[in-house]
């Protein structure tokens, strides 16, 4: 479809912990815009966020990247999705917590790079965000101090807060 030749060497950015997600997200999107499948299409199409789809495109390749379907009915998507799964799962994630999130929601048995990428994003910035939960827990506990097991108000607040998250 499009002629593409590249001599650029790109390396997968690594993510050490949830707190560095924003920077890693920007870098990994750039990485997958440069990393191509055998047909020359940027692998970014596998992890793209359709809610951010532009209304106009700068090239045919840009349009392809945004319009190729995320459908397991297409062998090319299945192959590219599995490749993205392997790249992120083996090269990018440097903590067990992140690797577990990546494999959640059924991404592991399906080798689903799209699903794994979205799981990491939810872990770091979405409703499942461990950072947000930690901040909410600290804010709700305020000045409460652990005094051991007992029936005091601080113990009840701590237990109810932990189980609410």
Protein backbone atom coordinates (compact mmCIF):
# COMPACT_ATOMS: atom_id res chain seq x y z
CA UNK A 1 0.00 0.00 0.00
CA UNK A 2 2.69 2.47 1.05
CA UNK A 3 6.38 2.31 0.37
CA UNK A 4 8.34 2.33 3.60
CA UNK A 5 12.03 2.01 4.29
CA UNK A 6 13.58 2.66 7.63
CA UNK A 7 17.06 2.52 9.00
CA UNK A 8 15.95 3.77 12.41
CA UNK A 9 16.69 1.52 15.34
CA UNK A 10 14.24 1.90 18.18
CA UNK A 11 14.29 0.31 21.61
CA UNK A 12 11.31 -0.50 23.77
CA UNK A 13 11.01 1.93 26.70
CA UNK A 14 10.83 0.27 30.10
CA UNK A 15 8.38 0.91 32.93
CA UNK A 16 9.82 0.39 36.42
CA UNK A 17 6.74 1.33 38.49
CA UNK A 18 3.28 2.92 38.22
CA UNK A 19 4.52 6.42 39.07
CA UNK A 20 6.41 6.66 35.76
CA UNK A 21 3.44 5.65 33.60
CA UNK A 22 2.75 9.02 31.93
CA UNK A 23 6.29 9.31 30.59
CA UNK A 24 6.38 5.63 29.57
CA UNK A 25 2.99 5.89 27.86
CA UNK A 26 4.22 8.75 25.68
CA UNK A 27 7.45 6.88 24.84
CA UNK A 28 5.77 3.54 24.12
CA UNK A 29 3.27 5.19 21.78
CA UNK A 30 6.19 6.78 19.92
CA UNK A 31 7.98 3.41 19.84
CA UNK A 32 4.97 1.65 18.28
CA UNK A 33 4.52 4.47 15.75
CA UNK A 34 8.04 3.67 14.52
CA UNK A 35 7.91 -0.13 14.90
CA UNK A 36 6.31 -1.69 11.80
CA UNK A 37 4.66 -4.99 10.99
CA UNK A 38 5.85 -6.96 7.91
CA UNK A 39 3.38 -5.02 5.73
CA UNK A 40 4.91 -1.72 6.87
CA UNK A 41 2.01 -0.56 9.08
CA UNK A 42 2.98 0.99 12.44
CA UNK A 43 2.15 -1.35 15.31
CA UNK A 44 0.65 1.64 17.09
CA UNK A 45 -2.67 0.60 15.54
CA UNK A 46 -2.77 -2.33 18.01
CA UNK A 47 -2.61 -0.09 21.13
CA UNK A 48 -4.28 3.04 19.80
CA UNK A 49 -7.03 4.73 21.79
CA UNK A 50 -10.00 5.08 19.44
CA UNK A 51 -11.38 7.89 21.62
CA UNK A 52 -8.43 10.00 20.41
CA UNK A 53 -8.98 9.31 16.70
CA UNK A 54 -8.24 12.40 14.58
CA UNK A 55 -10.85 13.71 12.14
CA UNK A 56 -8.27 14.27 9.40
CA UNK A 57 -5.14 12.32 8.51
CA UNK A 58 -1.75 13.48 7.30
CA UNK A 59 -1.08 10.46 5.07
CA UNK A 60 -2.53 7.20 3.87
CA UNK A 61 -0.35 5.38 6.42
CA UNK A 62 -1.69 7.60 9.20
CA UNK A 63 -5.25 6.81 8.11
CA UNK A 64 -4.48 3.07 7.98
CA UNK A 65 -3.00 3.22 11.48
CA UNK A 66 -6.24 4.69 12.82
CA UNK A 67 -8.74 2.72 10.76
CA UNK A 68 -7.42 -0.84 10.75
CA UNK A 69 -9.88 -2.88 12.81
CA UNK A 70 -9.12 -4.45 16.17
CA UNK A 71 -10.66 -7.73 15.09
CA UNK A 72 -9.48 -11.23 15.78
CA UNK A 73 -11.14 -12.20 12.50
CA UNK A 74 -8.06 -10.83 10.70
CA UNK A 75 -4.88 -12.92 10.79
CA UNK A 76 -2.74 -9.79 10.51
CA UNK A 77 -4.27 -8.27 13.64
CA UNK A 78 -3.92 -11.55 15.56
CA UNK A 79 -0.23 -11.74 14.60
CA UNK A 80 0.46 -8.06 15.38
CA UNK A 81 -1.50 -8.21 18.63
CA UNK A 82 0.55 -11.22 19.77
CA UNK A 83 3.79 -9.47 18.74
CA UNK A 84 2.85 -6.40 20.80
CA UNK A 85 1.99 -8.69 23.73
CA UNK A 86 5.45 -10.28 23.55
CA UNK A 87 7.26 -6.94 23.17
CA UNK A 88 5.55 -5.29 26.13
CA UNK A 89 5.47 -8.40 28.30
CA UNK A 90 9.12 -9.37 27.86
CA UNK A 91 10.92 -6.09 27.24
CA UNK A 92 8.99 -3.23 28.84
CA UNK A 93 7.67 -4.20 32.26
CA UNK A 94 10.18 -4.32 35.07
CA UNK A 95 8.02 -5.05 38.11
CA UNK A 96 5.98 -8.11 39.02
CA UNK A 97 2.99 -5.92 39.86
CA UNK A 98 2.95 -4.42 36.35
CA UNK A 99 3.46 -7.81 34.70
CA UNK A 100 0.50 -9.18 36.68
CA UNK A 101 -1.70 -6.26 35.60
CA UNK A 102 -0.56 -6.75 32.01
CA UNK A 103 -1.64 -10.41 32.10
CA UNK A 104 -4.98 -9.64 33.78
CA UNK A 105 -8.38 -9.66 32.08
CA UNK A 106 -7.52 -12.70 29.98
CA UNK A 107 -4.65 -11.06 28.08
CA UNK A 108 -2.20 -13.87 28.85
CA UNK A 109 -3.93 -16.93 27.35
CA UNK A 110 -4.93 -14.94 24.28
CA UNK A 111 -1.53 -13.18 24.00
CA UNK A 112 -3.57 -10.01 23.61
CA UNK A 113 -1.29 -6.96 23.50
CA UNK A 114 -4.17 -4.52 23.17
CA UNK A 115 -5.97 -5.90 26.22
CA UNK A 116 -2.74 -6.05 28.25
CA UNK A 117 -1.83 -2.47 27.36
CA UNK A 118 -5.27 -1.24 28.42
CA UNK A 119 -4.96 -3.20 31.70
CA UNK A 120 -1.70 -1.42 32.50
CA UNK A 121 -3.28 1.92 31.69
CA UNK A 122 -6.20 1.15 34.04
CA UNK A 123 -3.72 0.12 36.73
CA UNK A 124 -1.80 3.37 36.46
CA UNK A 125 -4.38 6.04 35.58
CA UNK A 126 -7.88 4.60 35.42
CA UNK A 127 -10.48 3.59 37.96
CA UNK A 128 -8.22 0.69 39.02
CA UNK A 129 -5.22 2.98 39.51
CA UNK A 130 -3.04 1.83 42.38
CA UNK A 131 -1.69 5.38 42.66
CA UNK A 132 -5.20 6.82 42.98
CA UNK A 133 -6.21 4.14 45.49
CA UNK A 134 -3.11 4.75 47.59
CA UNK A 135 -3.76 8.51 47.62
CA UNK A 136 -7.42 8.00 48.48
CA UNK A 137 -6.51 5.62 51.29
CA UNK A 138 -3.97 8.06 52.73
CA UNK A 139 -6.42 10.95 52.50
CA UNK A 140 -9.30 9.04 54.09
CA UNK A 141 -7.15 7.80 56.96
CA UNK A 142 -5.92 11.30 57.71
CA UNK A 143 -4.27 11.33 61.10
CA UNK A 144 -5.52 7.89 62.17
CA UNK A 145 -2.77 5.80 63.72
CA UNK A 146 -2.66 2.04 64.04
CA UNK A 147 -2.91 1.10 67.71
CA UNK A 148 -3.18 -2.62 67.22
CA UNK A 149 -6.24 -4.79 67.03
CA UNK A 150 -9.12 -3.53 69.04
CA UNK A 151 -12.53 -2.00 68.91
CA UNK A 152 -11.46 1.66 68.73
CA UNK A 153 -12.73 4.10 66.13
CA UNK A 154 -9.38 4.21 64.27
CA UNK A 155 -9.48 0.42 63.77
CA UNK A 156 -13.03 0.53 62.44
CA UNK A 157 -12.16 3.41 60.07
CA UNK A 158 -9.08 1.58 58.83
CA UNK A 159 -10.94 -1.69 58.18
CA UNK A 160 -13.91 0.02 56.48
CA UNK A 161 -11.57 2.10 54.29
CA UNK A 162 -9.52 -0.90 53.22
CA UNK A 163 -12.58 -2.94 52.28
CA UNK A 164 -14.22 0.00 50.49
CA UNK A 165 -11.29 0.19 48.04
